[in-house]
Amino acid sequence: MIYIAAPFFNSDQIKRVETIKMILLKLERGFYSPKDVNLFKEGDHFEADKVFLENLRAIKESDI
């Protein structure tokens, strides 16, 4: 699995992440994109520990 560590805070950054994901899909490579993981919804209490631990787990399970 490939962990996609990239910012996604504006349209250019989102486009870049989506391009990377498209390439990885074509190469049939598994990936984890924090951008796609909805760990909380707007209006919910933000749990930084939960976000951190989920990302740490994904990093540890990734090959690169």
N, C-alpha and C. Protein backbone atom coordinates (compact mmCIF):
# COMPACT_ATOMS: atom_id res chain seq x y z
N MET A 1 0.84 -1.17 0.00
CA MET A 1 0.00 0.00 0.00
C MET A 1 0.89 1.24 0.00
N ILE A 2 0.43 2.26 -0.67
CA ILE A 2 1.14 3.53 -0.75
C ILE A 2 0.35 4.57 0.04
N TYR A 3 1.01 5.24 0.95
CA TYR A 3 0.40 6.31 1.73
C TYR A 3 0.63 7.61 0.98
N ILE A 4 -0.43 8.28 0.60
CA ILE A 4 -0.31 9.54 -0.14
C ILE A 4 -0.27 10.68 0.86
N ALA A 5 0.94 11.14 1.13
CA ALA A 5 1.14 12.26 2.05
C ALA A 5 1.23 13.53 1.22
N ALA A 6 0.13 14.23 1.15
CA ALA A 6 0.08 15.43 0.32
C ALA A 6 -0.99 16.38 0.87
N PRO A 7 -0.77 17.67 0.72
CA PRO A 7 -1.80 18.61 1.18
C PRO A 7 -3.02 18.58 0.26
N PHE A 8 -4.17 18.95 0.81
CA PHE A 8 -5.41 18.99 0.02
C PHE A 8 -6.29 20.14 0.50
N PHE A 9 -5.68 21.32 0.57
CA PHE A 9 -6.37 22.48 1.14
C PHE A 9 -6.84 23.49 0.10
N ASN A 10 -6.47 23.28 -1.16
CA ASN A 10 -6.98 24.16 -2.22
C ASN A 10 -7.18 23.33 -3.49
N SER A 11 -7.76 23.92 -4.50
CA SER A 11 -8.12 23.16 -5.70
C SER A 11 -6.90 22.58 -6.43
N ASP A 12 -5.79 23.29 -6.47
CA ASP A 12 -4.58 22.75 -7.13
C ASP A 12 -4.05 21.54 -6.38
N GLN A 13 -4.04 21.60 -5.07
CA GLN A 13 -3.56 20.48 -4.27
C GLN A 13 -4.48 19.27 -4.42
N ILE A 14 -5.77 19.51 -4.42
CA ILE A 14 -6.74 18.42 -4.59
C ILE A 14 -6.57 17.78 -5.96
N LYS A 15 -6.40 18.60 -6.99
CA LYS A 15 -6.20 18.07 -8.34
C LYS A 15 -4.96 17.18 -8.39
N ARG A 16 -3.89 17.60 -7.73
CA ARG A 16 -2.65 16.83 -7.71
C ARG A 16 -2.87 15.47 -7.03
N VAL A 17 -3.55 15.47 -5.89
CA VAL A 17 -3.82 14.21 -5.19
C VAL A 17 -4.69 13.30 -6.05
N GLU A 18 -5.70 13.85 -6.70
CA GLU A 18 -6.59 13.05 -7.55
C GLU A 18 -5.83 12.47 -8.74
N THR A 19 -4.88 13.20 -9.29
CA THR A 19 -4.06 12.70 -10.39
C THR A 19 -3.19 11.53 -9.92
N ILE A 20 -2.60 11.69 -8.75
CA ILE A 20 -1.78 10.61 -8.18
C ILE A 20 -2.64 9.36 -7.97
N LYS A 21 -3.83 9.54 -7.42
CA LYS A 21 -4.73 8.40 -7.20
C LYS A 21 -5.11 7.72 -8.52
N MET A 22 -5.38 8.51 -9.54
CA MET A 22 -5.74 7.96 -10.84
C MET A 22 -4.59 7.11 -11.41
N ILE A 23 -3.37 7.61 -11.29
CA ILE A 23 -2.20 6.87 -11.77
C ILE A 23 -2.06 5.57 -10.99
N LEU A 24 -2.20 5.63 -9.68
CA LEU A 24 -2.06 4.42 -8.86
C LEU A 24 -3.15 3.40 -9.17
N LEU A 25 -4.35 3.86 -9.44
CA LEU A 25 -5.43 2.95 -9.83
C LEU A 25 -5.11 2.26 -11.15
N LYS A 26 -4.58 3.02 -12.12
CA LYS A 26 -4.21 2.43 -13.40
C LYS A 26 -3.10 1.40 -13.24
N LEU A 27 -2.21 1.64 -12.29
CA LEU A 27 -1.11 0.71 -12.02
C LEU A 27 -1.55 -0.43 -11.08
N GLU A 28 -2.81 -0.38 -10.68
CA GLU A 28 -3.38 -1.38 -9.77
C GLU A 28 -2.61 -1.46 -8.46
N ARG A 29 -2.25 -0.30 -7.95
CA ARG A 29 -1.55 -0.21 -6.67
C ARG A 29 -2.54 0.27 -5.61
N GLY A 30 -2.49 -0.37 -4.47
CA GLY A 30 -3.34 0.06 -3.36
C GLY A 30 -2.76 1.33 -2.74
N PHE A 31 -3.64 2.16 -2.23
CA PHE A 31 -3.18 3.40 -1.61
C PHE A 31 -4.11 3.81 -0.48
N TYR A 32 -3.60 4.68 0.36
CA TYR A 32 -4.36 5.29 1.44
C TYR A 32 -4.22 6.79 1.25
N SER A 33 -5.34 7.46 1.11
CA SER A 33 -5.34 8.91 0.96
C SER A 33 -6.10 9.53 2.13
N PRO A 34 -5.40 10.21 3.03
CA PRO A 34 -6.10 10.85 4.16
C PRO A 34 -7.23 11.77 3.69
N LYS A 35 -7.09 12.31 2.49
CA LYS A 35 -8.13 13.18 1.94
C LYS A 35 -9.46 12.46 1.83
N ASP A 36 -9.43 11.17 1.60
CA ASP A 36 -10.66 10.42 1.37
C ASP A 36 -11.26 9.80 2.63
N VAL A 37 -10.53 9.88 3.73
CA VAL A 37 -11.00 9.27 4.97
C VAL A 37 -11.78 10.32 5.76
N ASN A 38 -13.06 10.06 5.93
CA ASN A 38 -13.89 11.01 6.67
C ASN A 38 -13.93 10.59 8.13
N LEU A 39 -12.98 11.09 8.90
CA LEU A 39 -12.89 10.72 10.31
C LEU A 39 -13.83 11.54 11.18
N PHE A 40 -14.36 12.60 10.64
CA PHE A 40 -15.34 13.40 11.37
C PHE A 40 -16.16 14.18 10.36
N LYS A 41 -17.34 14.55 10.77
CA LYS A 41 -18.23 15.32 9.91
C LYS A 41 -18.31 16.74 10.43
N GLU A 42 -18.61 17.67 9.55
CA GLU A 42 -18.75 19.06 9.94
C GLU A 42 -19.77 19.16 11.07
N GLY A 43 -19.41 19.89 12.08
CA GLY A 43 -20.29 20.05 13.23
C GLY A 43 -20.02 19.05 14.34
N ASP A 44 -19.33 17.95 14.02
CA ASP A 44 -18.97 16.97 15.04
C ASP A 44 -17.80 17.50 15.86
N HIS A 45 -17.65 16.93 17.03
CA HIS A 45 -16.49 17.25 17.85
C HIS A 45 -15.24 16.69 17.17
N PHE A 46 -14.25 17.51 16.97
CA PHE A 46 -13.01 17.11 16.32
C PHE A 46 -12.14 16.34 17.31
N GLU A 47 -11.79 15.12 16.96
CA GLU A 47 -10.95 14.30 17.83
C GLU A 47 -9.58 14.13 17.19
N ALA A 48 -8.66 15.03 17.54
CA ALA A 48 -7.32 15.02 16.95
C ALA A 48 -6.62 13.70 17.20
N ASP A 49 -6.81 13.11 18.37
CA ASP A 49 -6.15 11.82 18.67
C ASP A 49 -6.63 10.75 17.71
N LYS A 50 -7.92 10.74 17.41
CA LYS A 50 -8.48 9.74 16.50
C LYS A 50 -7.89 9.90 15.10
N VAL A 51 -7.80 11.13 14.62
CA VAL A 51 -7.22 11.40 13.30
C VAL A 51 -5.75 10.99 13.28
N PHE A 52 -5.01 11.36 14.30
CA PHE A 52 -3.59 11.03 14.39
C PHE A 52 -3.39 9.51 14.38
N LEU A 53 -4.13 8.79 15.22
CA LEU A 53 -3.95 7.34 15.32
C LEU A 53 -4.33 6.62 14.03
N GLU A 54 -5.37 7.07 13.36
CA GLU A 54 -5.77 6.46 12.09
C GLU A 54 -4.68 6.66 11.04
N ASN A 55 -4.12 7.86 10.97
CA ASN A 55 -3.05 8.13 10.01
C ASN A 55 -1.79 7.35 10.37
N LEU A 56 -1.48 7.26 11.63
CA LEU A 56 -0.31 6.50 12.07
C LEU A 56 -0.46 5.02 11.69
N ARG A 57 -1.65 4.47 11.90
CA ARG A 57 -1.92 3.08 11.53
C ARG A 57 -1.70 2.88 10.03
N ALA A 58 -2.23 3.80 9.22
CA ALA A 58 -2.10 3.68 7.77
C ALA A 58 -0.64 3.80 7.32
N ILE A 59 0.09 4.67 7.95
CA ILE A 59 1.51 4.81 7.61
C ILE A 59 2.27 3.53 7.92
N LYS A 60 2.01 2.97 9.10
CA LYS A 60 2.70 1.74 9.51
C LYS A 60 2.36 0.57 8.59
N GLU A 61 1.14 0.53 8.06
CA GLU A 61 0.72 -0.56 7.18
C GLU A 61 1.16 -0.35 5.73
N SER A 62 1.64 0.82 5.43
CA SER A 62 2.05 1.13 4.05
C SER A 62 3.45 0.64 3.76
N ASP A 63 3.66 0.32 2.47
CA ASP A 63 5.00 -0.06 2.01
C ASP A 63 5.84 1.16 1.72
N ILE A 64 5.20 2.16 1.14
CA ILE A 64 5.90 3.43 0.84
C ILE A 64 4.95 4.59 1.04
